[in-house]
C-alpha atoms as a PDB file:
ATOM      1  CA  MET A   1       0.000   0.000   0.000  1.00  0.00           C
ATOM      2  CA  VAL A   2       2.723   2.484   0.933  1.00  0.00           C
ATOM      3  CA  ILE A   3       4.599   1.781  -2.287  1.00  0.00           C
ATOM      4  CA  SER A   4       1.519   2.267  -4.439  1.00  0.00           C
ATOM      5  CA  LYS A   5       0.778   5.640  -2.788  1.00  0.00           C
ATOM      6  CA  THR A   6       4.345   6.737  -3.434  1.00  0.00           C
ATOM      7  CA  LEU A   7       4.181   5.594  -7.046  1.00  0.00           C
ATOM      8  CA  ARG A   8       0.864   7.390  -7.601  1.00  0.00           C
ATOM      9  CA  PHE A   9       2.614  10.599  -6.588  1.00  0.00           C
ATOM     10  CA  ALA A  10       6.013   9.966  -8.181  1.00  0.00           C
ATOM     11  CA  ILE A  11       4.961   8.829 -11.650  1.00  0.00           C
ATOM     12  CA  PRO A  12       3.008  11.984 -12.583  1.00  0.00           C
ATOM     13  CA  LEU A  13       5.796  14.116 -11.102  1.00  0.00           C
ATOM     14  CA  ILE A  14       8.444  12.340 -13.169  1.00  0.00           C
ATOM     15  CA  GLY A  15       6.292  12.694 -16.267  1.00  0.00           C
ATOM     16  CA  ALA A  16       5.825  16.425 -15.684  1.00  0.00           C
ATOM     17  CA  LEU A  17       9.552  16.918 -15.175  1.00  0.00           C
ATOM     18  CA  ALA A  18      10.345  15.012 -18.358  1.00  0.00           C
ATOM     19  CA  ILE A  19       7.926  17.124 -20.384  1.00  0.00           C
ATOM     20  CA  ALA A  20       9.295  20.348 -18.897  1.00  0.00           C
ATOM     21  CA  GLY A  21      12.870  19.280 -19.650  1.00  0.00           C
ATOM     22  CA  ALA A  22      12.007  18.381 -23.223  1.00  0.00           C
ATOM     23  CA  ALA A  23      10.266  21.694 -23.771  1.00  0.00           C
ATOM     24  CA  GLN A  24      13.337  23.609 -22.616  1.00  0.00           C
ATOM     25  CA  ALA A  25      15.903  21.484 -24.439  1.00  0.00           C
ATOM     26  CA  GLU A  26      17.491  23.266 -27.379  1.00  0.00           C
ATOM     27  CA  THR A  27      17.487  21.159 -30.525  1.00  0.00           C
ATOM     28  CA  GLN A  28      20.110  21.115 -33.260  1.00  0.00           C
ATOM     29  CA  TRP A  29      17.620  22.969 -35.503  1.00  0.00           C
ATOM     30  CA  ASP A  30      17.327  25.712 -32.894  1.00  0.00           C
ATOM     31  CA  ARG A  31      21.104  26.143 -32.731  1.00  0.00           C
ATOM     32  CA  ASP A  32      21.365  26.066 -36.545  1.00  0.00           C
ATOM     33  CA  HIS A  33      18.435  28.378 -37.234  1.00  0.00           C
ATOM     34  CA  PRO A  34      19.477  30.581 -40.180  1.00  0.00           C
ATOM     35  CA  ARG A  35      19.433  33.875 -38.254  1.00  0.00           C
ATOM     36  CA  ARG A  36      21.320  32.402 -35.291  1.00  0.00           C
ATOM     37  CA  ASP A  37      23.737  30.698 -37.639  1.00  0.00           C
ATOM     38  CA  GLN A  38      24.459  33.971 -39.455  1.00  0.00           C
ATOM     39  CA  VAL A  39      25.087  35.864 -36.213  1.00  0.00           C
ATOM     40  CA  ASN A  40      27.289  33.105 -34.802  1.00  0.00           C
ATOM     41  CA  ASP A  41      29.240  32.719 -38.059  1.00  0.00           C
ATOM     42  CA  ARG A  42      30.043  36.440 -37.938  1.00  0.00           C
ATOM     43  CA  LEU A  43      31.168  36.131 -34.320  1.00  0.00           C
ATOM     44  CA  ALA A  44      33.432  33.211 -35.240  1.00  0.00           C
ATOM     45  CA  ASN A  45      34.870  35.191 -38.145  1.00  0.00           C
ATOM     46  CA  GLN A  46      35.523  38.203 -35.922  1.00  0.00           C
ATOM     47  CA  ASN A  47      37.186  35.957 -33.353  1.00  0.00           C
ATOM     48  CA  ALA A  48      39.551  34.662 -36.039  1.00  0.00           C
ATOM     49  CA  ARG A  49      40.274  38.203 -37.260  1.00  0.00           C
ATOM     50  CA  ILE A  50      41.097  39.360 -33.726  1.00  0.00           C
ATOM     51  CA  LYS A  51      43.465  36.415 -33.251  1.00  0.00           C
ATOM     52  CA  THR A  52      45.165  37.120 -36.590  1.00  0.00           C
ATOM     53  CA  GLU A  53      45.556  40.819 -35.870  1.00  0.00           C
ATOM     54  CA  ARG A  54      47.022  40.009 -32.452  1.00  0.00           C
ATOM     55  CA  LYS A  55      49.398  37.421 -33.878  1.00  0.00           C
ATOM     56  CA  GLU A  56      50.600  39.884 -36.522  1.00  0.00           C
ATOM     57  CA  GLY A  57      51.138  42.541 -33.864  1.00  0.00           C
ATOM     58  CA  GLU A  58      48.575  44.933 -35.299  1.00  0.00           C
ATOM     59  CA  ILE A  59      46.661  45.130 -32.021  1.00  0.00           C
ATOM     60  CA  SER A  60      47.851  44.760 -28.437  1.00  0.00           C
ATOM     61  CA  GLY A  61      46.932  41.902 -26.150  1.00  0.00           C
ATOM     62  CA  ALA A  62      44.785  44.237 -24.079  1.00  0.00           C
ATOM     63  CA  ARG A  63      42.942  45.466 -27.181  1.00  0.00           C
ATOM     64  CA  ALA A  64      42.391  41.875 -28.358  1.00  0.00           C
ATOM     65  CA  ALA A  65      41.024  40.945 -24.934  1.00  0.00           C
ATOM     66  CA  ALA A  66      38.637  43.902 -25.008  1.00  0.00           C
ATOM     67  CA  LEU A  67      37.392  42.962 -28.481  1.00  0.00           C
ATOM     68  CA  HIS A  68      36.918  39.331 -27.434  1.00  0.00           C
ATOM     69  CA  LYS A  69      34.933  40.568 -24.438  1.00  0.00           C
ATOM     70  CA  GLU A  70      32.653  42.595 -26.723  1.00  0.00           C
ATOM     71  CA  ASP A  71      32.066  39.515 -28.880  1.00  0.00           C
ATOM     72  CA  ARG A  72      31.306  37.391 -25.800  1.00  0.00           C
ATOM     73  CA  THR A  73      28.744  39.989 -24.723  1.00  0.00           C
ATOM     74  CA  ILE A  74      27.084  39.848 -28.140  1.00  0.00           C
ATOM     75  CA  ARG A  75      27.091  36.033 -28.014  1.00  0.00           C
ATOM     76  CA  SER A  76      25.519  36.119 -24.564  1.00  0.00           C
ATOM     77  CA  GLU A  77      22.799  38.456 -25.826  1.00  0.00           C
ATOM     78  CA  GLU A  78      22.165  36.142 -28.783  1.00  0.00           C
ATOM     79  CA  ARG A  79      21.739  33.178 -26.456  1.00  0.00           C
ATOM     80  CA  GLY A  80      19.393  35.135 -24.216  1.00  0.00           C
ATOM     81  CA  MET A  81      17.283  36.255 -27.159  1.00  0.00           C
ATOM     82  CA  ALA A  82      17.106  32.709 -28.480  1.00  0.00           C
ATOM     83  CA  ALA A  83      16.058  31.408 -25.078  1.00  0.00           C
ATOM     84  CA  GLN A  84      13.131  33.821 -25.084  1.00  0.00           C
ATOM     85  CA  ASN A  85      12.050  32.925 -28.637  1.00  0.00           C
ATOM     86  CA  GLY A  86      11.912  29.168 -28.703  1.00  0.00           C
ATOM     87  CA  GLY A  87      15.523  28.680 -29.789  1.00  0.00           C
ATOM     88  CA  HIS A  88      15.870  31.290 -32.503  1.00  0.00           C
ATOM     89  CA  VAL A  89      16.272  35.046 -32.878  1.00  0.00           C
ATOM     90  CA  THR A  90      13.807  37.317 -34.621  1.00  0.00           C
ATOM     91  CA  ALA A  91      14.753  39.379 -37.650  1.00  0.00           C
ATOM     92  CA  THR A  92      14.694  42.532 -35.521  1.00  0.00           C
ATOM     93  CA  GLU A  93      16.997  40.948 -32.943  1.00  0.00           C
ATOM     94  CA  GLN A  94      19.331  39.744 -35.681  1.00  0.00           C
ATOM     95  CA  LYS A  95      19.537  43.279 -37.035  1.00  0.00           C
ATOM     96  CA  ALA A  96      20.414  44.641 -33.572  1.00  0.00           C
ATOM     97  CA  LEU A  97      23.066  41.954 -33.056  1.00  0.00           C
ATOM     98  CA  ASN A  98      24.537  42.657 -36.508  1.00  0.00           C
ATOM     99  CA  GLN A  99      24.764  46.362 -35.702  1.00  0.00           C
ATOM    100  CA  GLN A 100      26.719  45.518 -32.546  1.00  0.00           C
ATOM    101  CA  GLU A 101      28.957  43.186 -34.544  1.00  0.00           C
ATOM    102  CA  ASN A 102      29.543  45.959 -37.086  1.00  0.00           C
ATOM    103  CA  GLN A 103      30.760  48.274 -34.326  1.00  0.00           C
ATOM    104  CA  THR A 104      33.173  45.643 -33.042  1.00  0.00           C
ATOM    105  CA  SER A 105      34.285  44.754 -36.561  1.00  0.00           C
ATOM    106  CA  ARG A 106      35.252  48.352 -37.320  1.00  0.00           C
ATOM    107  CA  GLN A 107      37.531  48.326 -34.267  1.00  0.00           C
ATOM    108  CA  ILE A 108      39.514  45.282 -35.353  1.00  0.00           C
ATOM    109  CA  GLY A 109      42.863  46.302 -36.806  1.00  0.00           C
ATOM    110  CA  LYS A 110      42.646  49.944 -35.785  1.00  0.00           C
END
């Protein structure tokens, strides 16, 4: 009797937790959504440019670190936006992120 009472409580709870976890899980499609992919590809490209400029001595280590920090902030914003929109970013959010990336991009190599 005690076991059956426990199971009657535990089984629905486990089911609810499984559904909640599945609803929050980010799928590969969410990560590869075209707008997210475009934003993240630009961030990866900028990261490579910063590393190259640093390696070639065109920017200081401190400047490279500051630029990397700006890119990490943009990436964090992108993740937050995606979390609020079912795993993707809206066109308006993509535009805002691209504007921020443009500002950082113009600073690379200066």
